[in-house]
């Protein structure tokens, strides 16, 4: 029998190592919001059940994982058909995208964007469940409707340490950030807080806080373009004023248009991660076909608290169970 050459052995070892290390992408979809609930990691992306659907869906699913590596999709947690008010704008076609989630007192609050954005204005809805896997029940009316140059998209809720819940929304063609305080029930808007729109802001605002520093991160550029990227600003308050810090995630050789992300922390190791979507492509041009994918990578910080730049890679997170 012919023995394998050293070259073929090296190729075999390389293949095994690649198979072990290549954990990204972790699941299909876009605009992922990852959170930790009930001892698991939960991810809520824009769910494109049809590979030809580039940027929207007609239902939402959740992905859960015990260790950041093995992800399991749920049954639909909210279907467009179950949103009673969705046709009230008179538009012919509708779609769902860019969800966000938060938890309070054992209830889970799921916020989502509803299109079209033109000629009728986009809207944001909210649904509530007793479990992170749903099923979620829509509250029966929009939480926010766009108009007058503002696009009501990309909801994000941040609950501060004093119990105040802040609702962030906006972007796209309007490229304007708006923030409200939510009422304690988390399904009604309270007072709007006047905030500055930070430099290079397009959409997809996300807020997290570490040791008194508030990190407002967001996407810049066109969602279907290689210039899509993640930038951020910091503040001593969840509503600014903002100190612009620059871009931390840009397109790579085979990972185009990374963005619409979320940050989350492992409750045991305290390691921080970013989850984002991208187009798998080597062409530096807007993709015409294919479905976006979601990746998870560790992030690190400089001594002054700034976030180190992230390079898109297929090497995903190591298994990290929640003990």
C-alpha atoms as a PDB file:
ATOM      1  CA  UNK A   1       0.000   0.000   0.000  1.00  0.00           C
ATOM      2  CA  UNK A   2       1.301   3.434  -0.886  1.00  0.00           C
ATOM      3  CA  UNK A   3       2.176   5.483   2.195  1.00  0.00           C
ATOM      4  CA  UNK A   4       0.921   9.084   2.394  1.00  0.00           C
ATOM      5  CA  UNK A   5       3.527  11.721   1.689  1.00  0.00           C
ATOM      6  CA  UNK A   6       4.610  14.290   4.251  1.00  0.00           C
ATOM      7  CA  UNK A   7       2.859  16.889   2.117  1.00  0.00           C
ATOM      8  CA  UNK A   8      -0.463  15.046   2.236  1.00  0.00           C
ATOM      9  CA  UNK A   9      -0.064  14.487   5.990  1.00  0.00           C
ATOM     10  CA  UNK A  10       0.492  18.185   6.515  1.00  0.00           C
ATOM     11  CA  UNK A  11      -2.599  18.937   4.439  1.00  0.00           C
ATOM     12  CA  UNK A  12      -4.598  16.480   6.513  1.00  0.00           C
ATOM     13  CA  UNK A  13      -3.442  18.035   9.779  1.00  0.00           C
ATOM     14  CA  UNK A  14      -4.187  21.499   8.423  1.00  0.00           C
ATOM     15  CA  UNK A  15      -7.683  20.395   7.448  1.00  0.00           C
ATOM     16  CA  UNK A  16      -8.349  18.985  10.934  1.00  0.00           C
ATOM     17  CA  UNK A  17      -7.074  22.147  12.615  1.00  0.00           C
ATOM     18  CA  UNK A  18      -9.180  24.293  10.318  1.00  0.00           C
ATOM     19  CA  UNK A  19     -12.247  22.203  11.081  1.00  0.00           C
ATOM     20  CA  UNK A  20     -11.606  22.578  14.808  1.00  0.00           C
ATOM     21  CA  UNK A  21     -10.935  26.327  14.735  1.00  0.00           C
ATOM     22  CA  UNK A  22     -13.491  27.409  12.161  1.00  0.00           C
ATOM     23  CA  UNK A  23     -16.472  28.028  14.427  1.00  0.00           C
ATOM     24  CA  UNK A  24     -17.631  31.181  12.630  1.00  0.00           C
ATOM     25  CA  UNK A  25     -20.199  31.807  11.336  1.00  0.00           C
ATOM     26  CA  UNK A  26     -22.251  30.577  14.278  1.00  0.00           C
ATOM     27  CA  UNK A  27     -25.693  30.902  12.658  1.00  0.00           C
ATOM     28  CA  UNK A  28     -27.290  32.488   9.577  1.00  0.00           C
ATOM     29  CA  UNK A  29     -29.076  35.815   9.583  1.00  0.00           C
ATOM     30  CA  UNK A  30     -28.304  39.444  10.334  1.00  0.00           C
ATOM     31  CA  UNK A  31     -28.620  42.166  12.989  1.00  0.00           C
ATOM     32  CA  UNK A  32     -27.992  39.764  15.894  1.00  0.00           C
ATOM     33  CA  UNK A  33     -28.765  40.759  19.482  1.00  0.00           C
ATOM     34  CA  UNK A  34     -27.097  38.332  21.907  1.00  0.00           C
ATOM     35  CA  UNK A  35     -28.015  38.261  25.598  1.00  0.00           C
ATOM     36  CA  UNK A  36     -27.660  35.891  28.549  1.00  0.00           C
ATOM     37  CA  UNK A  37     -30.889  34.504  30.008  1.00  0.00           C
ATOM     38  CA  UNK A  38     -31.577  31.485  32.216  1.00  0.00           C
ATOM     39  CA  UNK A  39     -27.995  30.216  32.120  1.00  0.00           C
ATOM     40  CA  UNK A  40     -27.760  30.224  28.326  1.00  0.00           C
ATOM     41  CA  UNK A  41     -26.688  32.523  25.534  1.00  0.00           C
ATOM     42  CA  UNK A  42     -29.604  33.652  23.394  1.00  0.00           C
ATOM     43  CA  UNK A  43     -29.355  35.281  19.973  1.00  0.00           C
ATOM     44  CA  UNK A  44     -32.116  37.126  18.120  1.00  0.00           C
ATOM     45  CA  UNK A  45     -31.256  37.894  14.474  1.00  0.00           C
ATOM     46  CA  UNK A  46     -33.134  39.014  11.425  1.00  0.00           C
ATOM     47  CA  UNK A  47     -34.184  35.593  10.221  1.00  0.00           C
ATOM     48  CA  UNK A  48     -34.068  34.989   6.479  1.00  0.00           C
ATOM     49  CA  UNK A  49     -35.744  31.615   6.004  1.00  0.00           C
ATOM     50  CA  UNK A  50     -35.519  32.173   2.255  1.00  0.00           C
ATOM     51  CA  UNK A  51     -31.860  32.491   1.106  1.00  0.00           C
ATOM     52  CA  UNK A  52     -33.008  35.000  -1.512  1.00  0.00           C
ATOM     53  CA  UNK A  53     -34.315  37.300   1.228  1.00  0.00           C
ATOM     54  CA  UNK A  54     -31.340  39.570   1.705  1.00  0.00           C
ATOM     55  CA  UNK A  55     -32.369  41.807   4.533  1.00  0.00           C
ATOM     56  CA  UNK A  56     -35.780  40.991   5.957  1.00  0.00           C
ATOM     57  CA  UNK A  57     -37.973  38.172   7.205  1.00  0.00           C
ATOM     58  CA  UNK A  58     -41.577  37.268   7.856  1.00  0.00           C
ATOM     59  CA  UNK A  59     -41.016  35.721  11.274  1.00  0.00           C
ATOM     60  CA  UNK A  60     -38.400  35.682  14.016  1.00  0.00           C
ATOM     61  CA  UNK A  61     -36.567  32.775  15.618  1.00  0.00           C
ATOM     62  CA  UNK A  62     -34.190  32.607  18.570  1.00  0.00           C
ATOM     63  CA  UNK A  63     -30.910  30.710  18.744  1.00  0.00           C
ATOM     64  CA  UNK A  64     -29.662  29.372  22.070  1.00  0.00           C
ATOM     65  CA  UNK A  65     -26.321  27.952  23.145  1.00  0.00           C
ATOM     66  CA  UNK A  66     -24.855  26.625  26.384  1.00  0.00           C
ATOM     67  CA  UNK A  67     -21.275  27.441  25.350  1.00  0.00           C
ATOM     68  CA  UNK A  68     -21.165  29.943  22.421  1.00  0.00           C
ATOM     69  CA  UNK A  69     -20.285  27.167  19.956  1.00  0.00           C
ATOM     70  CA  UNK A  70     -23.282  24.848  19.645  1.00  0.00           C
ATOM     71  CA  UNK A  71     -26.335  26.887  18.630  1.00  0.00           C
ATOM     72  CA  UNK A  72     -29.879  25.564  18.276  1.00  0.00           C
ATOM     73  CA  UNK A  73     -32.687  27.360  16.479  1.00  0.00           C
ATOM     74  CA  UNK A  74     -36.106  27.627  18.079  1.00  0.00           C
ATOM     75  CA  UNK A  75     -39.483  27.434  16.467  1.00  0.00           C
ATOM     76  CA  UNK A  76     -40.728  30.856  15.335  1.00  0.00           C
ATOM     77  CA  UNK A  77     -41.070  33.134  18.358  1.00  0.00           C
ATOM     78  CA  UNK A  78     -43.104  35.806  16.555  1.00  0.00           C
ATOM     79  CA  UNK A  79     -44.760  35.635  13.147  1.00  0.00           C
ATOM     80  CA  UNK A  80     -45.745  38.576  10.999  1.00  0.00           C
ATOM     81  CA  UNK A  81     -49.211  37.067  10.654  1.00  0.00           C
ATOM     82  CA  UNK A  82     -49.709  37.466  14.405  1.00  0.00           C
ATOM     83  CA  UNK A  83     -49.051  41.225  14.416  1.00  0.00           C
ATOM     84  CA  UNK A  84     -52.571  42.629  14.274  1.00  0.00           C
ATOM     85  CA  UNK A  85     -51.685  46.210  13.289  1.00  0.00           C
ATOM     86  CA  UNK A  86     -49.157  45.467  10.588  1.00  0.00           C
ATOM     87  CA  UNK A  87     -51.481  46.318   7.671  1.00  0.00           C
ATOM     88  CA  UNK A  88     -52.930  49.458   9.234  1.00  0.00           C
ATOM     89  CA  UNK A  89     -50.555  51.672   7.220  1.00  0.00           C
ATOM     90  CA  UNK A  90     -52.153  50.566   3.940  1.00  0.00           C
ATOM     91  CA  UNK A  91     -48.905  49.358   2.393  1.00  0.00           C
ATOM     92  CA  UNK A  92     -49.028  46.309   0.150  1.00  0.00           C
ATOM     93  CA  UNK A  93     -45.870  44.567   1.369  1.00  0.00           C
ATOM     94  CA  UNK A  94     -44.401  44.292   4.853  1.00  0.00           C
ATOM     95  CA  UNK A  95     -41.387  42.679   6.472  1.00  0.00           C
ATOM     96  CA  UNK A  96     -39.629  42.352   9.827  1.00  0.00           C
ATOM     97  CA  UNK A  97     -36.026  42.928  10.784  1.00  0.00           C
ATOM     98  CA  UNK A  98     -33.504  44.174  13.372  1.00  0.00           C
ATOM     99  CA  UNK A  99     -34.875  42.913  16.707  1.00  0.00           C
ATOM    100  CA  UNK A 100     -33.730  43.721  20.224  1.00  0.00           C
ATOM    101  CA  UNK A 101     -34.618  42.205  23.587  1.00  0.00           C
ATOM    102  CA  UNK A 102     -34.502  42.931  27.308  1.00  0.00           C
ATOM    103  CA  UNK A 103     -35.782  41.254  30.489  1.00  0.00           C
ATOM    104  CA  UNK A 104     -37.490  42.636  33.581  1.00  0.00           C
ATOM    105  CA  UNK A 105     -39.095  40.807  36.499  1.00  0.00           C
ATOM    106  CA  UNK A 106     -39.206  37.512  34.641  1.00  0.00           C
ATOM    107  CA  UNK A 107     -40.818  38.968  31.523  1.00  0.00           C
ATOM    108  CA  UNK A 108     -39.050  39.248  28.162  1.00  0.00           C
ATOM    109  CA  UNK A 109     -39.640  42.282  25.958  1.00  0.00           C
ATOM    110  CA  UNK A 110     -38.941  41.864  22.257  1.00  0.00           C
ATOM    111  CA  UNK A 111     -38.674  44.945  20.034  1.00  0.00           C
ATOM    112  CA  UNK A 112     -38.643  44.774  16.242  1.00  0.00           C
ATOM    113  CA  UNK A 113     -38.625  46.872  13.070  1.00  0.00           C
ATOM    114  CA  UNK A 114     -41.495  46.744  10.593  1.00  0.00           C
ATOM    115  CA  UNK A 115     -41.171  47.834   6.978  1.00  0.00           C
ATOM    116  CA  UNK A 116     -41.645  49.225   4.433  1.00  0.00           C
ATOM    117  CA  UNK A 117     -39.732  52.446   4.969  1.00  0.00           C
ATOM    118  CA  UNK A 118     -41.153  54.111   1.871  1.00  0.00           C
ATOM    119  CA  UNK A 119     -43.668  55.408   0.906  1.00  0.00           C
ATOM    120  CA  UNK A 120     -45.278  54.593   4.281  1.00  0.00           C
ATOM    121  CA  UNK A 121     -43.077  55.195   7.334  1.00  0.00           C
ATOM    122  CA  UNK A 122     -41.346  52.368   9.156  1.00  0.00           C
ATOM    123  CA  UNK A 123     -42.605  51.358  12.587  1.00  0.00           C
ATOM    124  CA  UNK A 124     -41.300  49.600  15.696  1.00  0.00           C
ATOM    125  CA  UNK A 125     -43.334  47.048  17.609  1.00  0.00           C
ATOM    126  CA  UNK A 126     -42.927  45.241  20.907  1.00  0.00           C
ATOM    127  CA  UNK A 127     -44.056  41.807  22.060  1.00  0.00           C
ATOM    128  CA  UNK A 128     -43.875  40.124  25.473  1.00  0.00           C
ATOM    129  CA  UNK A 129     -43.220  36.553  26.634  1.00  0.00           C
ATOM    130  CA  UNK A 130     -42.595  34.541  29.786  1.00  0.00           C
ATOM    131  CA  UNK A 131     -39.569  32.752  28.302  1.00  0.00           C
ATOM    132  CA  UNK A 132     -36.658  33.829  26.077  1.00  0.00           C
ATOM    133  CA  UNK A 133     -37.837  31.319  23.457  1.00  0.00           C
ATOM    134  CA  UNK A 134     -41.319  32.793  23.440  1.00  0.00           C
ATOM    135  CA  UNK A 135     -43.889  32.590  22.135  1.00  0.00           C
ATOM    136  CA  UNK A 136     -44.057  36.394  22.139  1.00  0.00           C
ATOM    137  CA  UNK A 137     -47.399  38.194  22.071  1.00  0.00           C
ATOM    138  CA  UNK A 138     -47.583  41.532  20.308  1.00  0.00           C
ATOM    139  CA  UNK A 139     -49.046  44.365  22.421  1.00  0.00           C
ATOM    140  CA  UNK A 140     -51.529  45.280  19.683  1.00  0.00           C
ATOM    141  CA  UNK A 141     -50.124  48.593  18.430  1.00  0.00           C
ATOM    142  CA  UNK A 142     -46.838  50.127  17.285  1.00  0.00           C
ATOM    143  CA  UNK A 143     -44.507  51.472  19.926  1.00  0.00           C
ATOM    144  CA  UNK A 144     -43.077  54.076  17.538  1.00  0.00           C
ATOM    145  CA  UNK A 145     -43.879  55.282  14.017  1.00  0.00           C
ATOM    146  CA  UNK A 146     -41.416  57.160  11.845  1.00  0.00           C
ATOM    147  CA  UNK A 147     -41.981  60.179   9.669  1.00  0.00           C
ATOM    148  CA  UNK A 148     -40.760  63.697   8.929  1.00  0.00           C
ATOM    149  CA  UNK A 149     -37.335  62.452   7.897  1.00  0.00           C
ATOM    150  CA  UNK A 150     -36.939  60.050  10.825  1.00  0.00           C
ATOM    151  CA  UNK A 151     -36.925  56.296  10.233  1.00  0.00           C
ATOM    152  CA  UNK A 152     -38.198  54.244  13.155  1.00  0.00           C
ATOM    153  CA  UNK A 153     -35.862  51.266  12.862  1.00  0.00           C
ATOM    154  CA  UNK A 154     -33.276  49.263  14.813  1.00  0.00           C
ATOM    155  CA  UNK A 155     -34.671  49.321  18.370  1.00  0.00           C
ATOM    156  CA  UNK A 156     -32.357  48.812  21.337  1.00  0.00           C
ATOM    157  CA  UNK A 157     -33.279  48.961  25.042  1.00  0.00           C
ATOM    158  CA  UNK A 158     -30.663  49.563  27.730  1.00  0.00           C
ATOM    159  CA  UNK A 159     -31.590  49.283  31.417  1.00  0.00           C
ATOM    160  CA  UNK A 160     -29.262  51.431  33.480  1.00  0.00           C
ATOM    161  CA  UNK A 161     -28.120  50.661  37.025  1.00  0.00           C
ATOM    162  CA  UNK A 162     -30.654  53.104  38.508  1.00  0.00           C
ATOM    163  CA  UNK A 163     -33.512  51.198  36.836  1.00  0.00           C
ATOM    164  CA  UNK A 164     -34.121  53.682  34.027  1.00  0.00           C
ATOM    165  CA  UNK A 165     -34.784  51.989  30.682  1.00  0.00           C
ATOM    166  CA  UNK A 166     -33.583  53.889  27.622  1.00  0.00           C
ATOM    167  CA  UNK A 167     -34.973  53.194  24.160  1.00  0.00           C
ATOM    168  CA  UNK A 168     -32.638  53.881  21.199  1.00  0.00           C
ATOM    169  CA  UNK A 169     -33.872  53.938  17.604  1.00  0.00           C
ATOM    170  CA  UNK A 170     -33.310  55.438  14.186  1.00  0.00           C
ATOM    171  CA  UNK A 171     -30.936  55.631  11.296  1.00  0.00           C
ATOM    172  CA  UNK A 172     -30.792  54.524   7.678  1.00  0.00           C
ATOM    173  CA  UNK A 173     -31.823  57.252   5.217  1.00  0.00           C
ATOM    174  CA  UNK A 174     -32.590  59.633   8.063  1.00  0.00           C
ATOM    175  CA  UNK A 175     -29.315  58.729   9.829  1.00  0.00           C
ATOM    176  CA  UNK A 176     -30.654  60.297  13.026  1.00  0.00           C
ATOM    177  CA  UNK A 177     -30.410  58.812  16.518  1.00  0.00           C
ATOM    178  CA  UNK A 178     -33.283  59.370  18.939  1.00  0.00           C
ATOM    179  CA  UNK A 179     -33.589  58.242  22.566  1.00  0.00           C
ATOM    180  CA  UNK A 180     -36.554  57.967  24.915  1.00  0.00           C
ATOM    181  CA  UNK A 181     -37.014  56.851  28.482  1.00  0.00           C
ATOM    182  CA  UNK A 182     -39.412  53.948  28.576  1.00  0.00           C
ATOM    183  CA  UNK A 183     -42.225  53.817  31.099  1.00  0.00           C
ATOM    184  CA  UNK A 184     -41.765  51.140  33.803  1.00  0.00           C
ATOM    185  CA  UNK A 185     -43.959  48.681  31.873  1.00  0.00           C
ATOM    186  CA  UNK A 186     -41.386  48.778  28.996  1.00  0.00           C
ATOM    187  CA  UNK A 187     -44.152  48.873  26.387  1.00  0.00           C
ATOM    188  CA  UNK A 188     -44.797  52.620  26.333  1.00  0.00           C
ATOM    189  CA  UNK A 189     -42.551  55.547  25.520  1.00  0.00           C
ATOM    190  CA  UNK A 190     -41.932  58.131  28.203  1.00  0.00           C
ATOM    191  CA  UNK A 191     -40.170  61.421  27.691  1.00  0.00           C
ATOM    192  CA  UNK A 192     -37.802  61.839  24.767  1.00  0.00           C
ATOM    193  CA  UNK A 193     -34.242  62.788  25.676  1.00  0.00           C
ATOM    194  CA  UNK A 194     -32.529  65.157  23.274  1.00  0.00           C
ATOM    195  CA  UNK A 195     -29.247  63.590  22.148  1.00  0.00           C
ATOM    196  CA  UNK A 196     -26.663  64.411  19.546  1.00  0.00           C
ATOM    197  CA  UNK A 197     -26.270  62.023  16.635  1.00  0.00           C
ATOM    198  CA  UNK A 198     -22.640  60.840  16.870  1.00  0.00           C
ATOM    199  CA  UNK A 199     -20.159  61.067  13.977  1.00  0.00           C
ATOM    200  CA  UNK A 200     -20.433  58.412  11.242  1.00  0.00           C
ATOM    201  CA  UNK A 201     -23.774  57.176  12.566  1.00  0.00           C
ATOM    202  CA  UNK A 202     -26.007  55.364  10.078  1.00  0.00           C
ATOM    203  CA  UNK A 203     -28.062  52.853  12.095  1.00  0.00           C
ATOM    204  CA  UNK A 204     -28.024  49.931  14.510  1.00  0.00           C
ATOM    205  CA  UNK A 205     -27.326  51.697  17.818  1.00  0.00           C
ATOM    206  CA  UNK A 206     -26.237  49.506  20.738  1.00  0.00           C
ATOM    207  CA  UNK A 207     -25.487  50.587  24.311  1.00  0.00           C
ATOM    208  CA  UNK A 208     -23.481  48.848  27.015  1.00  0.00           C
ATOM    209  CA  UNK A 209     -21.728  50.065  30.148  1.00  0.00           C
ATOM    210  CA  UNK A 210     -18.491  49.081  31.904  1.00  0.00           C
ATOM    211  CA  UNK A 211     -17.341  50.668  35.174  1.00  0.00           C
ATOM    212  CA  UNK A 212     -19.206  53.898  34.567  1.00  0.00           C
ATOM    213  CA  UNK A 213     -18.251  54.297  30.917  1.00  0.00           C
ATOM    214  CA  UNK A 214     -21.154  54.091  28.466  1.00  0.00           C
ATOM    215  CA  UNK A 215     -20.313  52.684  25.051  1.00  0.00           C
ATOM    216  CA  UNK A 216     -22.634  53.745  22.227  1.00  0.00           C
ATOM    217  CA  UNK A 217     -21.764  51.634  19.198  1.00  0.00           C
ATOM    218  CA  UNK A 218     -23.433  51.691  15.803  1.00  0.00           C
ATOM    219  CA  UNK A 219     -23.139  50.856  12.118  1.00  0.00           C
ATOM    220  CA  UNK A 220     -21.866  53.169   9.409  1.00  0.00           C
ATOM    221  CA  UNK A 221     -22.343  52.862   5.638  1.00  0.00           C
ATOM    222  CA  UNK A 222     -24.698  50.876   3.429  1.00  0.00           C
ATOM    223  CA  UNK A 223     -26.045  47.586   4.760  1.00  0.00           C
ATOM    224  CA  UNK A 224     -25.289  45.844   1.431  1.00  0.00           C
ATOM    225  CA  UNK A 225     -21.939  47.524   0.819  1.00  0.00           C
ATOM    226  CA  UNK A 226     -18.360  46.706   1.867  1.00  0.00           C
ATOM    227  CA  UNK A 227     -18.167  50.104   3.587  1.00  0.00           C
ATOM    228  CA  UNK A 228     -20.576  48.849   6.271  1.00  0.00           C
ATOM    229  CA  UNK A 229     -18.655  48.938   9.544  1.00  0.00           C
ATOM    230  CA  UNK A 230     -18.940  49.378  13.312  1.00  0.00           C
ATOM    231  CA  UNK A 231     -17.982  52.643  15.031  1.00  0.00           C
ATOM    232  CA  UNK A 232     -18.421  53.801  18.594  1.00  0.00           C
ATOM    233  CA  UNK A 233     -18.409  56.712  21.003  1.00  0.00           C
ATOM    234  CA  UNK A 234     -18.207  56.881  24.788  1.00  0.00           C
ATOM    235  CA  UNK A 235     -19.782  58.975  27.511  1.00  0.00           C
ATOM    236  CA  UNK A 236     -20.235  59.173  31.269  1.00  0.00           C
ATOM    237  CA  UNK A 237     -23.993  59.021  30.607  1.00  0.00           C
ATOM    238  CA  UNK A 238     -26.268  56.761  28.538  1.00  0.00           C
ATOM    239  CA  UNK A 239     -27.441  59.838  26.611  1.00  0.00           C
ATOM    240  CA  UNK A 240     -24.123  61.583  25.937  1.00  0.00           C
ATOM    241  CA  UNK A 241     -22.436  63.891  25.213  1.00  0.00           C
ATOM    242  CA  UNK A 242     -20.454  61.524  23.027  1.00  0.00           C
ATOM    243  CA  UNK A 243     -16.710  61.275  22.524  1.00  0.00           C
ATOM    244  CA  UNK A 244     -16.192  59.691  19.117  1.00  0.00           C
ATOM    245  CA  UNK A 245     -13.685  56.819  19.216  1.00  0.00           C
ATOM    246  CA  UNK A 246     -13.603  55.662  15.592  1.00  0.00           C
ATOM    247  CA  UNK A 247     -14.158  52.390  13.753  1.00  0.00           C
ATOM    248  CA  UNK A 248     -13.503  49.046  15.410  1.00  0.00           C
ATOM    249  CA  UNK A 249     -14.769  46.600  12.762  1.00  0.00           C
ATOM    250  CA  UNK A 250     -14.305  46.881   8.982  1.00  0.00           C
ATOM    251  CA  UNK A 251     -14.505  44.532   5.997  1.00  0.00           C
ATOM    252  CA  UNK A 252     -11.834  41.864   5.653  1.00  0.00           C
ATOM    253  CA  UNK A 253     -10.627  39.847   2.673  1.00  0.00           C
ATOM    254  CA  UNK A 254     -13.553  37.420   2.763  1.00  0.00           C
ATOM    255  CA  UNK A 255     -15.869  39.091   5.295  1.00  0.00           C
ATOM    256  CA  UNK A 256     -17.620  42.076   3.721  1.00  0.00           C
ATOM    257  CA  UNK A 257     -19.881  44.630   5.331  1.00  0.00           C
ATOM    258  CA  UNK A 258     -19.589  43.584   8.991  1.00  0.00           C
ATOM    259  CA  UNK A 259     -22.012  45.395  11.232  1.00  0.00           C
ATOM    260  CA  UNK A 260     -25.336  45.657  13.046  1.00  0.00           C
ATOM    261  CA  UNK A 261     -23.849  44.026  16.080  1.00  0.00           C
ATOM    262  CA  UNK A 262     -24.311  43.551  19.797  1.00  0.00           C
ATOM    263  CA  UNK A 263     -21.879  43.310  22.702  1.00  0.00           C
ATOM    264  CA  UNK A 264     -22.301  40.878  25.575  1.00  0.00           C
ATOM    265  CA  UNK A 265     -20.324  39.582  28.551  1.00  0.00           C
ATOM    266  CA  UNK A 266     -19.815  36.011  29.719  1.00  0.00           C
ATOM    267  CA  UNK A 267     -21.256  35.952  33.257  1.00  0.00           C
ATOM    268  CA  UNK A 268     -18.581  33.554  34.515  1.00  0.00           C
ATOM    269  CA  UNK A 269     -15.332  34.502  32.816  1.00  0.00           C
ATOM    270  CA  UNK A 270     -16.326  38.190  32.441  1.00  0.00           C
ATOM    271  CA  UNK A 271     -14.952  38.089  28.889  1.00  0.00           C
ATOM    272  CA  UNK A 272     -16.645  40.512  26.480  1.00  0.00           C
ATOM    273  CA  UNK A 273     -17.700  39.497  22.964  1.00  0.00           C
ATOM    274  CA  UNK A 274     -19.115  41.101  19.846  1.00  0.00           C
ATOM    275  CA  UNK A 275     -21.648  39.390  17.597  1.00  0.00           C
ATOM    276  CA  UNK A 276     -22.104  40.851  14.115  1.00  0.00           C
ATOM    277  CA  UNK A 277     -23.240  39.919  10.633  1.00  0.00           C
ATOM    278  CA  UNK A 278     -21.272  39.968   7.376  1.00  0.00           C
ATOM    279  CA  UNK A 279     -21.426  38.861   3.749  1.00  0.00           C
ATOM    280  CA  UNK A 280     -19.098  35.959   2.876  1.00  0.00           C
ATOM    281  CA  UNK A 281     -17.418  37.365  -0.215  1.00  0.00           C
ATOM    282  CA  UNK A 282     -13.989  38.168  -1.606  1.00  0.00           C
ATOM    283  CA  UNK A 283     -15.311  40.840  -3.979  1.00  0.00           C
ATOM    284  CA  UNK A 284     -15.102  44.447  -2.884  1.00  0.00           C
ATOM    285  CA  UNK A 285     -18.547  45.282  -4.214  1.00  0.00           C
ATOM    286  CA  UNK A 286     -22.147  44.997  -3.020  1.00  0.00           C
ATOM    287  CA  UNK A 287     -23.199  41.324  -3.069  1.00  0.00           C
ATOM    288  CA  UNK A 288     -25.998  40.366  -5.402  1.00  0.00           C
ATOM    289  CA  UNK A 289     -26.826  36.981  -3.943  1.00  0.00           C
ATOM    290  CA  UNK A 290     -26.224  34.984  -0.807  1.00  0.00           C
ATOM    291  CA  UNK A 291     -27.309  35.211   2.767  1.00  0.00           C
ATOM    292  CA  UNK A 292     -25.658  37.106   5.585  1.00  0.00           C
ATOM    293  CA  UNK A 293     -24.017  35.183   8.392  1.00  0.00           C
ATOM    294  CA  UNK A 294     -23.394  35.942  12.066  1.00  0.00           C
ATOM    295  CA  UNK A 295     -20.042  35.652  13.834  1.00  0.00           C
ATOM    296  CA  UNK A 296     -18.901  35.968  17.431  1.00  0.00           C
ATOM    297  CA  UNK A 297     -15.447  37.164  18.469  1.00  0.00           C
ATOM    298  CA  UNK A 298     -13.740  38.181  21.678  1.00  0.00           C
ATOM    299  CA  UNK A 299     -13.015  41.843  22.218  1.00  0.00           C
ATOM    300  CA  UNK A 300     -10.267  43.424  24.273  1.00  0.00           C
ATOM    301  CA  UNK A 301      -9.705  46.834  25.795  1.00  0.00           C
ATOM    302  CA  UNK A 302      -6.735  49.168  26.057  1.00  0.00           C
ATOM    303  CA  UNK A 303      -5.684  50.519  29.444  1.00  0.00           C
ATOM    304  CA  UNK A 304      -7.774  53.651  28.880  1.00  0.00           C
ATOM    305  CA  UNK A 305     -10.928  51.594  28.250  1.00  0.00           C
ATOM    306  CA  UNK A 306     -11.026  52.011  24.487  1.00  0.00           C
ATOM    307  CA  UNK A 307     -11.998  48.963  22.438  1.00  0.00           C
ATOM    308  CA  UNK A 308      -9.260  47.332  20.385  1.00  0.00           C
ATOM    309  CA  UNK A 309      -9.985  46.869  16.696  1.00  0.00           C
ATOM    310  CA  UNK A 310     -11.567  43.591  15.638  1.00  0.00           C
ATOM    311  CA  UNK A 311     -10.491  41.726  12.498  1.00  0.00           C
ATOM    312  CA  UNK A 312     -13.214  39.501  10.995  1.00  0.00           C
ATOM    313  CA  UNK A 313     -12.202  35.853  11.095  1.00  0.00           C
ATOM    314  CA  UNK A 314     -13.595  32.345  10.786  1.00  0.00           C
ATOM    315  CA  UNK A 315     -12.006  31.448  14.108  1.00  0.00           C
ATOM    316  CA  UNK A 316     -14.913  31.680  16.462  1.00  0.00           C
ATOM    317  CA  UNK A 317     -15.046  31.620  20.243  1.00  0.00           C
ATOM    318  CA  UNK A 318     -13.733  28.728  22.253  1.00  0.00           C
ATOM    319  CA  UNK A 319     -16.382  26.694  24.090  1.00  0.00           C
ATOM    320  CA  UNK A 320     -17.290  28.656  27.207  1.00  0.00           C
ATOM    321  CA  UNK A 321     -20.099  27.038  29.182  1.00  0.00           C
ATOM    322  CA  UNK A 322     -21.856  29.031  31.859  1.00  0.00           C
ATOM    323  CA  UNK A 323     -21.026  27.262  35.114  1.00  0.00           C
END
